[in-house]
């Protein structure tokens, strides 16, 4: 069993009004909490990992490929690996991002 206590995690400032906190992970899965101030952006990007984003709080305009949707608390989206995606925070909030496999690049940051 892998237990990660909140007080043992590190809040990373990503600049531009966003933060990242790596939560529990193993080789196959990683949970990450991402905080956004209103107006902050998760720039369009892609990666080979499948991603599920769950809105813990706030409102976000989420773009995946050629489609966009506004998401609020309790909404979620799946992003297949390799697809360009990003988000703009409409109302300050937090996302829970789940990646498979784990994001080695986040562990090196």
PDB file of N, CA and C in Angstrom:
ATOM      1  N   UNK A   1       0.845  -1.170   0.000  1.00  0.00           N
ATOM      2  CA  UNK A   1       0.000   0.000   0.000  1.00  0.00           C
ATOM      3  C   UNK A   1       0.895   1.239   0.000  1.00  0.00           C
ATOM      4  N   UNK A   2       0.514   2.202  -0.847  1.00  0.00           N
ATOM      5  CA  UNK A   2       1.241   3.472  -0.906  1.00  0.00           C
ATOM      6  C   UNK A   2       0.347   4.542  -0.289  1.00  0.00           C
ATOM      7  N   UNK A   3       0.816   5.146   0.790  1.00  0.00           N
ATOM      8  CA  UNK A   3       0.082   6.226   1.453  1.00  0.00           C
ATOM      9  C   UNK A   3       0.927   7.489   1.344  1.00  0.00           C
ATOM     10  N   UNK A   4       0.315   8.557   0.878  1.00  0.00           N
ATOM     11  CA  UNK A   4       1.009   9.841   0.776  1.00  0.00           C
ATOM     12  C   UNK A   4       0.239  10.849   1.623  1.00  0.00           C
ATOM     13  N   UNK A   5       0.881  11.377   2.620  1.00  0.00           N
ATOM     14  CA  UNK A   5       0.283  12.387   3.495  1.00  0.00           C
ATOM     15  C   UNK A   5       0.455  13.763   2.858  1.00  0.00           C
ATOM     16  N   UNK A   6      -0.598  14.558   2.902  1.00  0.00           N
ATOM     17  CA  UNK A   6      -0.570  15.882   2.287  1.00  0.00           C
ATOM     18  C   UNK A   6       0.616  16.698   2.786  1.00  0.00           C
ATOM     19  N   UNK A   7       0.898  16.628   4.076  1.00  0.00           N
ATOM     20  CA  UNK A   7       2.000  17.419   4.637  1.00  0.00           C
ATOM     21  C   UNK A   7       3.369  16.960   4.126  1.00  0.00           C
ATOM     22  N   UNK A   8       3.428  15.791   3.491  1.00  0.00           N
ATOM     23  CA  UNK A   8       4.686  15.294   2.945  1.00  0.00           C
ATOM     24  C   UNK A   8       4.859  15.623   1.463  1.00  0.00           C
ATOM     25  N   UNK A   9       3.874  16.298   0.874  1.00  0.00           N
ATOM     26  CA  UNK A   9       3.966  16.653  -0.543  1.00  0.00           C
ATOM     27  C   UNK A   9       4.539  18.051  -0.696  1.00  0.00           C
ATOM     28  N   UNK A  10       4.963  18.365  -1.896  1.00  0.00           N
ATOM     29  CA  UNK A  10       5.590  19.643  -2.205  1.00  0.00           C
ATOM     30  C   UNK A  10       4.735  20.399  -3.210  1.00  0.00           C
ATOM     31  N   UNK A  11       4.408  21.647  -2.911  1.00  0.00           N
ATOM     32  CA  UNK A  11       3.646  22.498  -3.822  1.00  0.00           C
ATOM     33  C   UNK A  11       4.627  23.221  -4.734  1.00  0.00           C
ATOM     34  N   UNK A  12       4.571  22.902  -6.023  1.00  0.00           N
ATOM     35  CA  UNK A  12       5.479  23.497  -7.003  1.00  0.00           C
ATOM     36  C   UNK A  12       4.776  24.660  -7.695  1.00  0.00           C
ATOM     37  N   UNK A  13       5.407  25.828  -7.708  1.00  0.00           N
ATOM     38  CA  UNK A  13       4.875  26.999  -8.402  1.00  0.00           C
ATOM     39  C   UNK A  13       5.233  26.873  -9.875  1.00  0.00           C
ATOM     40  N   UNK A  14       4.211  26.787 -10.720  1.00  0.00           N
ATOM     41  CA  UNK A  14       4.447  26.653 -12.159  1.00  0.00           C
ATOM     42  C   UNK A  14       4.484  27.998 -12.867  1.00  0.00           C
ATOM     43  N   UNK A  15       4.331  29.083 -12.103  1.00  0.00           N
ATOM     44  CA  UNK A  15       4.283  30.450 -12.634  1.00  0.00           C
ATOM     45  C   UNK A  15       2.999  30.653 -13.428  1.00  0.00           C
ATOM     46  N   UNK A  16       2.686  31.890 -13.702  1.00  0.00           N
ATOM     47  CA  UNK A  16       1.498  32.186 -14.486  1.00  0.00           C
ATOM     48  C   UNK A  16       0.197  31.900 -13.775  1.00  0.00           C
ATOM     49  N   UNK A  17       0.250  31.741 -12.436  1.00  0.00           N
ATOM     50  CA  UNK A  17      -0.977  31.515 -11.682  1.00  0.00           C
ATOM     51  C   UNK A  17      -1.382  30.069 -11.492  1.00  0.00           C
ATOM     52  N   UNK A  18      -0.438  29.137 -11.646  1.00  0.00           N
ATOM     53  CA  UNK A  18      -0.781  27.730 -11.416  1.00  0.00           C
ATOM     54  C   UNK A  18       0.274  27.029 -10.556  1.00  0.00           C
ATOM     55  N   UNK A  19      -0.174  25.996  -9.871  1.00  0.00           N
ATOM     56  CA  UNK A  19       0.686  25.197  -8.992  1.00  0.00           C
ATOM     57  C   UNK A  19       0.440  23.721  -9.260  1.00  0.00           C
ATOM     58  N   UNK A  20       1.408  22.891  -8.863  1.00  0.00           N
ATOM     59  CA  UNK A  20       1.272  21.441  -9.024  1.00  0.00           C
ATOM     60  C   UNK A  20       1.739  20.761  -7.742  1.00  0.00           C
ATOM     61  N   UNK A  21       0.980  19.749  -7.321  1.00  0.00           N
ATOM     62  CA  UNK A  21       1.334  18.944  -6.157  1.00  0.00           C
ATOM     63  C   UNK A  21       1.217  17.473  -6.575  1.00  0.00           C
ATOM     64  N   UNK A  22       2.346  16.757  -6.587  1.00  0.00           N
ATOM     65  CA  UNK A  22       2.324  15.335  -6.923  1.00  0.00           C
ATOM     66  C   UNK A  22       1.824  14.568  -5.704  1.00  0.00           C
ATOM     67  N   UNK A  23       0.823  13.748  -5.939  1.00  0.00           N
ATOM     68  CA  UNK A  23       0.222  12.947  -4.868  1.00  0.00           C
ATOM     69  C   UNK A  23       0.755  11.521  -4.977  1.00  0.00           C
ATOM     70  N   UNK A  24      -0.059  10.532  -4.769  1.00  0.00           N
ATOM     71  CA  UNK A  24       0.385   9.134  -4.816  1.00  0.00           C
ATOM     72  C   UNK A  24       0.712   8.718  -6.256  1.00  0.00           C
ATOM     73  N   UNK A  25       1.699   7.828  -6.383  1.00  0.00           N
ATOM     74  CA  UNK A  25       2.058   7.312  -7.702  1.00  0.00           C
ATOM     75  C   UNK A  25       2.824   6.010  -7.580  1.00  0.00           C
ATOM     76  N   UNK A  26       2.782   5.251  -8.666  1.00  0.00           N
ATOM     77  CA  UNK A  26       3.653   4.092  -8.850  1.00  0.00           C
ATOM     78  C   UNK A  26       4.041   4.096 -10.326  1.00  0.00           C
ATOM     79  N   UNK A  27       4.630   3.028 -10.825  1.00  0.00           N
ATOM     80  CA  UNK A  27       5.090   3.026 -12.216  1.00  0.00           C
ATOM     81  C   UNK A  27       3.957   3.159 -13.225  1.00  0.00           C
ATOM     82  N   UNK A  28       2.760   2.699 -12.873  1.00  0.00           N
ATOM     83  CA  UNK A  28       1.653   2.651 -13.826  1.00  0.00           C
ATOM     84  C   UNK A  28       0.654   3.789 -13.703  1.00  0.00           C
ATOM     85  N   UNK A  29       0.713   4.579 -12.613  1.00  0.00           N
ATOM     86  CA  UNK A  29      -0.342   5.555 -12.347  1.00  0.00           C
ATOM     87  C   UNK A  29       0.203   6.706 -11.514  1.00  0.00           C
ATOM     88  N   UNK A  30      -0.303   7.919 -11.753  1.00  0.00           N
ATOM     89  CA  UNK A  30       0.113   9.071 -10.963  1.00  0.00           C
ATOM     90  C   UNK A  30      -1.074  10.005 -10.764  1.00  0.00           C
ATOM     91  N   UNK A  31      -1.246  10.498  -9.533  1.00  0.00           N
ATOM     92  CA  UNK A  31      -2.277  11.482  -9.210  1.00  0.00           C
ATOM     93  C   UNK A  31      -1.594  12.811  -8.908  1.00  0.00           C
ATOM     94  N   UNK A  32      -2.120  13.889  -9.513  1.00  0.00           N
ATOM     95  CA  UNK A  32      -1.524  15.216  -9.383  1.00  0.00           C
ATOM     96  C   UNK A  32      -2.632  16.236  -9.159  1.00  0.00           C
ATOM     97  N   UNK A  33      -2.467  17.089  -8.152  1.00  0.00           N
ATOM     98  CA  UNK A  33      -3.405  18.182  -7.911  1.00  0.00           C
ATOM     99  C   UNK A  33      -2.816  19.445  -8.547  1.00  0.00           C
ATOM    100  N   UNK A  34      -3.612  20.107  -9.400  1.00  0.00           N
ATOM    101  CA  UNK A  34      -3.149  21.304 -10.081  1.00  0.00           C
ATOM    102  C   UNK A  34      -4.075  22.457  -9.714  1.00  0.00           C
ATOM    103  N   UNK A  35      -3.509  23.527  -9.153  1.00  0.00           N
ATOM    104  CA  UNK A  35      -4.283  24.699  -8.768  1.00  0.00           C
ATOM    105  C   UNK A  35      -4.137  25.811  -9.796  1.00  0.00           C
ATOM    106  N   UNK A  36      -5.227  26.547 -10.008  1.00  0.00           N
ATOM    107  CA  UNK A  36      -5.232  27.637 -10.985  1.00  0.00           C
ATOM    108  C   UNK A  36      -5.895  28.871 -10.404  1.00  0.00           C
ATOM    109  N   UNK A  37      -5.295  30.029 -10.638  1.00  0.00           N
ATOM    110  CA  UNK A  37      -5.959  31.300 -10.397  1.00  0.00           C
ATOM    111  C   UNK A  37      -6.828  31.585 -11.618  1.00  0.00           C
ATOM    112  N   UNK A  38      -7.870  32.399 -11.458  1.00  0.00           N
ATOM    113  CA  UNK A  38      -8.702  32.775 -12.601  1.00  0.00           C
ATOM    114  C   UNK A  38      -7.829  33.386 -13.685  1.00  0.00           C
ATOM    115  N   UNK A  39      -8.022  32.953 -14.917  1.00  0.00           N
ATOM    116  CA  UNK A  39      -7.255  33.455 -16.055  1.00  0.00           C
ATOM    117  C   UNK A  39      -5.996  32.675 -16.354  1.00  0.00           C
ATOM    118  N   UNK A  40      -5.545  31.841 -15.425  1.00  0.00           N
ATOM    119  CA  UNK A  40      -4.335  31.041 -15.661  1.00  0.00           C
ATOM    120  C   UNK A  40      -4.615  29.989 -16.729  1.00  0.00           C
ATOM    121  N   UNK A  41      -3.568  29.609 -17.445  1.00  0.00           N
ATOM    122  CA  UNK A  41      -3.722  28.646 -18.525  1.00  0.00           C
ATOM    123  C   UNK A  41      -2.821  27.438 -18.342  1.00  0.00           C
ATOM    124  N   UNK A  42      -3.342  26.303 -18.715  1.00  0.00           N
ATOM    125  CA  UNK A  42      -2.548  25.113 -18.951  1.00  0.00           C
ATOM    126  C   UNK A  42      -2.369  25.082 -20.461  1.00  0.00           C
ATOM    127  N   UNK A  43      -1.240  25.581 -20.953  1.00  0.00           N
ATOM    128  CA  UNK A  43      -1.014  25.776 -22.389  1.00  0.00           C
ATOM    129  C   UNK A  43      -1.271  24.492 -23.179  1.00  0.00           C
ATOM    130  N   UNK A  44      -1.680  24.653 -24.429  1.00  0.00           N
ATOM    131  CA  UNK A  44      -1.880  23.499 -25.303  1.00  0.00           C
ATOM    132  C   UNK A  44      -0.587  22.696 -25.389  1.00  0.00           C
ATOM    133  N   UNK A  45      -0.712  21.387 -25.225  1.00  0.00           N
ATOM    134  CA  UNK A  45       0.451  20.504 -25.244  1.00  0.00           C
ATOM    135  C   UNK A  45      -0.039  19.081 -25.494  1.00  0.00           C
ATOM    136  N   UNK A  46       0.884  18.166 -25.659  1.00  0.00           N
ATOM    137  CA  UNK A  46       0.540  16.751 -25.744  1.00  0.00           C
ATOM    138  C   UNK A  46       1.632  15.943 -25.053  1.00  0.00           C
ATOM    139  N   UNK A  47       1.289  14.741 -24.681  1.00  0.00           N
ATOM    140  CA  UNK A  47       2.226  13.804 -24.072  1.00  0.00           C
ATOM    141  C   UNK A  47       1.704  12.398 -24.338  1.00  0.00           C
ATOM    142  N   UNK A  48       2.546  11.390 -24.207  1.00  0.00           N
ATOM    143  CA  UNK A  48       2.103  10.029 -24.534  1.00  0.00           C
ATOM    144  C   UNK A  48       1.183   9.402 -23.485  1.00  0.00           C
ATOM    145  N   UNK A  49       1.028  10.036 -22.339  1.00  0.00           N
ATOM    146  CA  UNK A  49       0.242   9.471 -21.240  1.00  0.00           C
ATOM    147  C   UNK A  49      -1.255   9.690 -21.458  1.00  0.00           C
ATOM    148  N   UNK A  50      -2.069   8.713 -21.102  1.00  0.00           N
ATOM    149  CA  UNK A  50      -3.510   8.928 -21.007  1.00  0.00           C
ATOM    150  C   UNK A  50      -3.745   9.733 -19.743  1.00  0.00           C
ATOM    151  N   UNK A  51      -4.650  10.721 -19.828  1.00  0.00           N
ATOM    152  CA  UNK A  51      -4.909  11.618 -18.699  1.00  0.00           C
ATOM    153  C   UNK A  51      -6.408  11.696 -18.441  1.00  0.00           C
ATOM    154  N   UNK A  52      -6.768  11.652 -17.173  1.00  0.00           N
ATOM    155  CA  UNK A  52      -8.131  11.943 -16.741  1.00  0.00           C
ATOM    156  C   UNK A  52      -8.056  13.156 -15.827  1.00  0.00           C
ATOM    157  N   UNK A  53      -8.814  14.204 -16.147  1.00  0.00           N
ATOM    158  CA  UNK A  53      -8.864  15.406 -15.303  1.00  0.00           C
ATOM    159  C   UNK A  53     -10.240  15.481 -14.651  1.00  0.00           C
ATOM    160  N   UNK A  54     -10.251  15.671 -13.336  1.00  0.00           N
ATOM    161  CA  UNK A  54     -11.470  15.797 -12.543  1.00  0.00           C
ATOM    162  C   UNK A  54     -11.453  17.167 -11.880  1.00  0.00           C
ATOM    163  N   UNK A  55     -12.529  17.933 -12.050  1.00  0.00           N
ATOM    164  CA  UNK A  55     -12.592  19.278 -11.487  1.00  0.00           C
ATOM    165  C   UNK A  55     -12.988  19.196 -10.012  1.00  0.00           C
ATOM    166  N   UNK A  56     -12.031  19.498  -9.144  1.00  0.00           N
ATOM    167  CA  UNK A  56     -12.296  19.526  -7.704  1.00  0.00           C
ATOM    168  C   UNK A  56     -13.066  20.783  -7.317  1.00  0.00           C
ATOM    169  N   UNK A  57     -12.712  21.916  -7.959  1.00  0.00           N
ATOM    170  CA  UNK A  57     -13.381  23.190  -7.693  1.00  0.00           C
ATOM    171  C   UNK A  57     -13.088  24.128  -8.850  1.00  0.00           C
ATOM    172  N   UNK A  58     -13.898  25.177  -8.988  1.00  0.00           N
ATOM    173  CA  UNK A  58     -13.686  26.181 -10.026  1.00  0.00           C
ATOM    174  C   UNK A  58     -14.374  25.828 -11.330  1.00  0.00           C
ATOM    175  N   UNK A  59     -14.062  26.613 -12.361  1.00  0.00           N
ATOM    176  CA  UNK A  59     -14.591  26.396 -13.712  1.00  0.00           C
ATOM    177  C   UNK A  59     -13.438  26.527 -14.705  1.00  0.00           C
ATOM    178  N   UNK A  60     -13.465  25.662 -15.724  1.00  0.00           N
ATOM    179  CA  UNK A  60     -12.388  25.587 -16.698  1.00  0.00           C
ATOM    180  C   UNK A  60     -12.940  25.424 -18.107  1.00  0.00           C
ATOM    181  N   UNK A  61     -12.293  26.077 -19.078  1.00  0.00           N
ATOM    182  CA  UNK A  61     -12.563  25.788 -20.481  1.00  0.00           C
ATOM    183  C   UNK A  61     -11.481  24.808 -20.901  1.00  0.00           C
ATOM    184  N   UNK A  62     -11.880  23.595 -21.206  1.00  0.00           N
ATOM    185  CA  UNK A  62     -10.950  22.523 -21.525  1.00  0.00           C
ATOM    186  C   UNK A  62     -11.018  22.247 -23.018  1.00  0.00           C
ATOM    187  N   UNK A  63      -9.862  22.195 -23.660  1.00  0.00           N
ATOM    188  CA  UNK A  63      -9.795  21.904 -25.091  1.00  0.00           C
ATOM    189  C   UNK A  63      -9.030  20.604 -25.289  1.00  0.00           C
ATOM    190  N   UNK A  64      -9.634  19.696 -26.056  1.00  0.00           N
ATOM    191  CA  UNK A  64      -8.997  18.424 -26.401  1.00  0.00           C
ATOM    192  C   UNK A  64      -9.143  18.276 -27.913  1.00  0.00           C
ATOM    193  N   UNK A  65      -8.019  18.282 -28.615  1.00  0.00           N
ATOM    194  CA  UNK A  65      -8.084  18.232 -30.075  1.00  0.00           C
ATOM    195  C   UNK A  65      -8.814  19.463 -30.596  1.00  0.00           C
ATOM    196  N   UNK A  66      -9.856  19.240 -31.395  1.00  0.00           N
ATOM    197  CA  UNK A  66     -10.626  20.336 -31.986  1.00  0.00           C
ATOM    198  C   UNK A  66     -11.872  20.681 -31.183  1.00  0.00           C
ATOM    199  N   UNK A  67     -12.070  20.050 -30.035  1.00  0.00           N
ATOM    200  CA  UNK A  67     -13.282  20.273 -29.241  1.00  0.00           C
ATOM    201  C   UNK A  67     -12.972  21.016 -27.948  1.00  0.00           C
ATOM    202  N   UNK A  68     -13.901  21.894 -27.529  1.00  0.00           N
ATOM    203  CA  UNK A  68     -13.780  22.606 -26.259  1.00  0.00           C
ATOM    204  C   UNK A  68     -15.073  22.441 -25.474  1.00  0.00           C
ATOM    205  N   UNK A  69     -14.940  22.435 -24.155  1.00  0.00           N
ATOM    206  CA  UNK A  69     -16.097  22.319 -23.279  1.00  0.00           C
ATOM    207  C   UNK A  69     -15.791  23.019 -21.967  1.00  0.00           C
ATOM    208  N   UNK A  70     -16.814  23.652 -21.388  1.00  0.00           N
ATOM    209  CA  UNK A  70     -16.661  24.263 -20.076  1.00  0.00           C
ATOM    210  C   UNK A  70     -16.991  23.214 -19.022  1.00  0.00           C
ATOM    211  N   UNK A  71     -16.082  23.068 -18.052  1.00  0.00           N
ATOM    212  CA  UNK A  71     -16.236  22.063 -17.004  1.00  0.00           C
ATOM    213  C   UNK A  71     -16.274  22.736 -15.640  1.00  0.00           C
ATOM    214  N   UNK A  72     -17.123  22.221 -14.741  1.00  0.00           N
ATOM    215  CA  UNK A  72     -17.218  22.717 -13.384  1.00  0.00           C
ATOM    216  C   UNK A  72     -17.037  21.601 -12.381  1.00  0.00           C
ATOM    217  N   UNK A  73     -17.157  21.945 -11.114  1.00  0.00           N
ATOM    218  CA  UNK A  73     -16.942  20.995 -10.024  1.00  0.00           C
ATOM    219  C   UNK A  73     -17.700  19.692 -10.274  1.00  0.00           C
ATOM    220  N   UNK A  74     -16.965  18.590 -10.174  1.00  0.00           N
ATOM    221  CA  UNK A  74     -17.545  17.263 -10.355  1.00  0.00           C
ATOM    222  C   UNK A  74     -17.474  16.740 -11.771  1.00  0.00           C
ATOM    223  N   UNK A  75     -17.131  17.593 -12.751  1.00  0.00           N
ATOM    224  CA  UNK A  75     -17.007  17.157 -14.143  1.00  0.00           C
ATOM    225  C   UNK A  75     -15.628  16.552 -14.372  1.00  0.00           C
ATOM    226  N   UNK A  76     -15.525  15.713 -15.394  1.00  0.00           N
ATOM    227  CA  UNK A  76     -14.244  15.101 -15.723  1.00  0.00           C
ATOM    228  C   UNK A  76     -14.114  14.916 -17.224  1.00  0.00           C
ATOM    229  N   UNK A  77     -12.892  14.710 -17.669  1.00  0.00           N
ATOM    230  CA  UNK A  77     -12.595  14.520 -19.085  1.00  0.00           C
ATOM    231  C   UNK A  77     -11.436  13.533 -19.206  1.00  0.00           C
ATOM    232  N   UNK A  78     -11.483  12.727 -20.255  1.00  0.00           N
ATOM    233  CA  UNK A  78     -10.386  11.802 -20.568  1.00  0.00           C
ATOM    234  C   UNK A  78      -9.663  12.329 -21.799  1.00  0.00           C
ATOM    235  N   UNK A  79      -8.342  12.368 -21.726  1.00  0.00           N
ATOM    236  CA  UNK A  79      -7.513  12.800 -22.850  1.00  0.00           C
ATOM    237  C   UNK A  79      -6.636  11.616 -23.260  1.00  0.00           C
ATOM    238  N   UNK A  80      -6.841  11.072 -24.465  1.00  0.00           N
ATOM    239  CA  UNK A  80      -5.968   9.991 -24.923  1.00  0.00           C
ATOM    240  C   UNK A  80      -4.537  10.481 -25.116  1.00  0.00           C
ATOM    241  N   UNK A  81      -3.578   9.618 -24.918  1.00  0.00           N
ATOM    242  CA  UNK A  81      -2.184   9.977 -25.135  1.00  0.00           C
ATOM    243  C   UNK A  81      -1.959  10.487 -26.550  1.00  0.00           C
ATOM    244  N   UNK A  82      -1.102  11.505 -26.689  1.00  0.00           N
ATOM    245  CA  UNK A  82      -0.733  12.030 -27.989  1.00  0.00           C
ATOM    246  C   UNK A  82      -1.662  13.100 -28.540  1.00  0.00           C
ATOM    247  N   UNK A  83      -2.772  13.393 -27.880  1.00  0.00           N
ATOM    248  CA  UNK A  83      -3.733  14.395 -28.349  1.00  0.00           C
ATOM    249  C   UNK A  83      -3.398  15.755 -27.730  1.00  0.00           C
ATOM    250  N   UNK A  84      -3.396  16.807 -28.542  1.00  0.00           N
ATOM    251  CA  UNK A  84      -3.139  18.159 -28.047  1.00  0.00           C
ATOM    252  C   UNK A  84      -4.320  18.602 -27.191  1.00  0.00           C
ATOM    253  N   UNK A  85      -4.001  19.147 -26.002  1.00  0.00           N
ATOM    254  CA  UNK A  85      -5.041  19.580 -25.068  1.00  0.00           C
ATOM    255  C   UNK A  85      -4.512  20.700 -24.182  1.00  0.00           C
ATOM    256  N   UNK A  86      -5.422  21.399 -23.538  1.00  0.00           N
ATOM    257  CA  UNK A  86      -5.055  22.466 -22.618  1.00  0.00           C
ATOM    258  C   UNK A  86      -6.294  23.012 -21.941  1.00  0.00           C
ATOM    259  N   UNK A  87      -6.100  23.935 -21.014  1.00  0.00           N
ATOM    260  CA  UNK A  87      -7.234  24.500 -20.292  1.00  0.00           C
ATOM    261  C   UNK A  87      -6.982  25.963 -19.955  1.00  0.00           C
ATOM    262  N   UNK A  88      -8.082  26.692 -19.820  1.00  0.00           N
ATOM    263  CA  UNK A  88      -8.054  28.065 -19.325  1.00  0.00           C
ATOM    264  C   UNK A  88      -8.973  28.099 -18.116  1.00  0.00           C
ATOM    265  N   UNK A  89      -8.477  28.629 -17.011  1.00  0.00           N
ATOM    266  CA  UNK A  89      -9.267  28.691 -15.792  1.00  0.00           C
ATOM    267  C   UNK A  89     -10.192  29.905 -15.836  1.00  0.00           C
ATOM    268  N   UNK A  90     -11.481  29.656 -15.754  1.00  0.00           N
ATOM    269  CA  UNK A  90     -12.493  30.717 -15.785  1.00  0.00           C
ATOM    270  C   UNK A  90     -12.745  31.241 -14.376  1.00  0.00           C
ATOM    271  N   UNK A  91     -12.819  30.324 -13.428  1.00  0.00           N
ATOM    272  CA  UNK A  91     -13.042  30.654 -12.010  1.00  0.00           C
ATOM    273  C   UNK A  91     -12.026  29.859 -11.209  1.00  0.00           C
ATOM    274  N   UNK A  92     -11.238  30.522 -10.364  1.00  0.00           N
ATOM    275  CA  UNK A  92     -10.155  29.871  -9.622  1.00  0.00           C
ATOM    276  C   UNK A  92     -10.577  28.505  -9.094  1.00  0.00           C
ATOM    277  N   UNK A  93      -9.672  27.538  -9.210  1.00  0.00           N
ATOM    278  CA  UNK A  93     -10.022  26.201  -8.754  1.00  0.00           C
ATOM    279  C   UNK A  93      -8.864  25.230  -8.831  1.00  0.00           C
ATOM    280  N   UNK A  94      -9.209  23.948  -8.677  1.00  0.00           N
ATOM    281  CA  UNK A  94      -8.220  22.876  -8.687  1.00  0.00           C
ATOM    282  C   UNK A  94      -8.707  21.710  -9.528  1.00  0.00           C
ATOM    283  N   UNK A  95      -7.751  21.076 -10.182  1.00  0.00           N
ATOM    284  CA  UNK A  95      -7.997  19.848 -10.936  1.00  0.00           C
ATOM    285  C   UNK A  95      -7.247  18.701 -10.281  1.00  0.00           C
ATOM    286  N   UNK A  96      -7.814  17.526 -10.341  1.00  0.00           N
ATOM    287  CA  UNK A  96      -7.105  16.301  -9.997  1.00  0.00           C
ATOM    288  C   UNK A  96      -6.818  15.618 -11.324  1.00  0.00           C
ATOM    289  N   UNK A  97      -5.544  15.556 -11.696  1.00  0.00           N
ATOM    290  CA  UNK A  97      -5.130  14.905 -12.935  1.00  0.00           C
ATOM    291  C   UNK A  97      -4.553  13.536 -12.601  1.00  0.00           C
ATOM    292  N   UNK A  98      -5.043  12.534 -13.319  1.00  0.00           N
ATOM    293  CA  UNK A  98      -4.558  11.157 -13.169  1.00  0.00           C
ATOM    294  C   UNK A  98      -3.896  10.777 -14.489  1.00  0.00           C
ATOM    295  N   UNK A  99      -2.674  10.271 -14.424  1.00  0.00           N
ATOM    296  CA  UNK A  99      -1.927   9.890 -15.611  1.00  0.00           C
ATOM    297  C   UNK A  99      -1.577   8.412 -15.564  1.00  0.00           C
ATOM    298  N   UNK A 100      -1.615   7.773 -16.735  1.00  0.00           N
ATOM    299  CA  UNK A 100      -1.095   6.424 -16.875  1.00  0.00           C
ATOM    300  C   UNK A 100      -0.285   6.355 -18.164  1.00  0.00           C
ATOM    301  N   UNK A 101       0.961   5.885 -18.102  1.00  0.00           N
ATOM    302  CA  UNK A 101       1.707   5.584 -16.887  1.00  0.00           C
ATOM    303  C   UNK A 101       2.114   6.874 -16.172  1.00  0.00           C
ATOM    304  N   UNK A 102       2.904   6.744 -15.122  1.00  0.00           N
ATOM    305  CA  UNK A 102       3.327   7.919 -14.347  1.00  0.00           C
ATOM    306  C   UNK A 102       4.104   8.891 -15.231  1.00  0.00           C
ATOM    307  N   UNK A 103       4.135  10.154 -14.819  1.00  0.00           N
ATOM    308  CA  UNK A 103       4.860  11.210 -15.542  1.00  0.00           C
ATOM    309  C   UNK A 103       6.265  11.326 -14.961  1.00  0.00           C
ATOM    310  N   UNK A 104       7.233  10.627 -15.557  1.00  0.00           N
ATOM    311  CA  UNK A 104       8.616  10.728 -15.093  1.00  0.00           C
ATOM    312  C   UNK A 104       9.121  12.159 -15.162  1.00  0.00           C
ATOM    313  N   UNK A 105       8.659  12.930 -16.166  1.00  0.00           N
ATOM    314  CA  UNK A 105       9.109  14.308 -16.299  1.00  0.00           C
ATOM    315  C   UNK A 105       8.693  15.151 -15.110  1.00  0.00           C
ATOM    316  N   UNK A 106       7.558  14.864 -14.484  1.00  0.00           N
ATOM    317  CA  UNK A 106       7.140  15.586 -13.277  1.00  0.00           C
ATOM    318  C   UNK A 106       8.046  15.264 -12.093  1.00  0.00           C
ATOM    319  N   UNK A 107       8.547  14.053 -12.037  1.00  0.00           N
ATOM    320  CA  UNK A 107       9.403  13.638 -10.923  1.00  0.00           C
ATOM    321  C   UNK A 107      10.797  14.256 -11.030  1.00  0.00           C
ATOM    322  N   UNK A 108      11.200  14.655 -12.226  1.00  0.00           N
ATOM    323  CA  UNK A 108      12.498  15.292 -12.428  1.00  0.00           C
ATOM    324  C   UNK A 108      12.427  16.801 -12.263  1.00  0.00           C
ATOM    325  N   UNK A 109      11.202  17.357 -12.228  1.00  0.00           N
ATOM    326  CA  UNK A 109      11.051  18.819 -12.172  1.00  0.00           C
ATOM    327  C   UNK A 109      11.426  19.380 -10.823  1.00  0.00           C
TER     328      UNK A 109
END
